[in-house]
Amino acid sequence: MMNQFNVPIMIAISRKSFSSRLFDLDKADDRLIPTLLFETLMTVFGGSLIRTHDVKETKMLIDAYEEIKSEL
């Protein structure tokens, strides 16, 4: 989807406040799951650079996605 521009697309969703409003979350620490969800979705849509506060968790999720994406 986003790769139609033929340039790297940066994803910068990490712990943004919109997920607090969307899911009624109080603390920034509670935003990890929505952050991972949206980062993965944007990766599926063609994002190739991820700016994140949660490097370990994001890498784990992207690695897991790469392992299973051919099955989807």
Protein backbone atom coordinates (compact mmCIF):
# COMPACT_ATOMS: atom_id res chain seq x y z
CA MET A 1 0.00 0.00 0.00
CA MET A 2 2.46 2.65 1.17
CA ASN A 3 5.30 1.23 -0.92
CA GLN A 4 3.79 2.76 -4.07
CA PHE A 5 5.95 5.82 -3.33
CA ASN A 6 9.21 3.84 -3.79
CA VAL A 7 10.80 5.45 -0.74
CA PRO A 8 11.36 4.08 2.78
CA ILE A 9 8.40 4.83 5.03
CA MET A 10 9.07 5.57 8.71
CA ILE A 11 6.62 4.42 11.35
CA ALA A 12 6.60 6.54 14.52
CA ILE A 13 3.63 5.35 16.55
CA SER A 14 5.42 4.41 19.77
CA ARG A 15 3.22 5.13 22.79
CA LYS A 16 1.31 7.96 21.12
CA SER A 17 -1.56 9.45 23.12
CA PHE A 18 -4.19 8.58 20.51
CA SER A 19 -4.06 4.99 21.75
CA SER A 20 -4.84 6.22 25.27
CA ARG A 21 -7.97 7.92 23.98
CA LEU A 22 -8.89 5.04 21.67
CA PHE A 23 -8.56 2.35 24.35
CA ASP A 24 -9.16 4.45 27.49
CA LEU A 25 -5.66 3.87 28.90
CA ASP A 26 -4.28 5.90 31.80
CA LYS A 27 -0.50 5.40 31.68
CA ALA A 28 2.10 5.40 28.91
CA ASP A 29 3.17 1.90 30.02
CA ASP A 30 -0.32 0.68 29.15
CA ARG A 31 0.21 1.72 25.52
CA LEU A 32 2.66 -1.09 24.64
CA ILE A 33 0.10 -3.50 23.16
CA PRO A 34 -1.63 -0.86 20.98
CA THR A 35 1.80 0.40 19.89
CA LEU A 36 2.87 -3.10 18.82
CA LEU A 37 -0.43 -3.64 17.06
CA PHE A 38 -0.19 -0.44 15.02
CA GLU A 39 3.54 -0.88 14.28
CA THR A 40 2.85 -4.35 12.91
CA LEU A 41 -0.08 -3.13 10.86
CA MET A 42 2.02 -0.35 9.34
CA THR A 43 4.80 -2.86 8.60
CA VAL A 44 2.27 -5.05 6.78
CA PHE A 45 1.20 -1.99 4.76
CA GLY A 46 4.78 -1.27 3.69
CA GLY A 47 6.47 0.68 6.46
CA SER A 48 10.16 -0.16 6.63
CA LEU A 49 11.68 2.01 9.38
CA ILE A 50 10.32 1.92 12.91
CA ARG A 51 11.03 4.58 15.53
CA THR A 52 10.13 3.02 18.86
CA HIS A 53 10.70 3.23 22.59
CA ASP A 54 10.23 -0.54 22.90
CA VAL A 55 13.01 -1.95 20.74
CA LYS A 56 13.10 -5.47 22.20
CA GLU A 57 9.34 -5.99 22.07
CA THR A 58 9.01 -4.48 18.59
CA LYS A 59 11.83 -6.66 17.24
CA MET A 60 10.24 -9.77 18.76
CA LEU A 61 6.91 -8.99 17.16
CA ILE A 62 8.37 -8.17 13.74
CA ASP A 63 10.49 -11.35 13.83
CA ALA A 64 7.38 -13.39 14.69
CA TYR A 65 5.45 -11.74 11.87
CA GLU A 66 8.26 -12.47 9.39
CA GLU A 67 8.16 -16.14 10.42
CA ILE A 68 4.43 -16.54 9.82
CA LYS A 69 3.62 -14.08 7.03
CA SER A 70 4.01 -16.65 4.26
CA GLU A 71 1.26 -18.68 5.96
CA LEU A 72 -1.20 -15.78 5.96
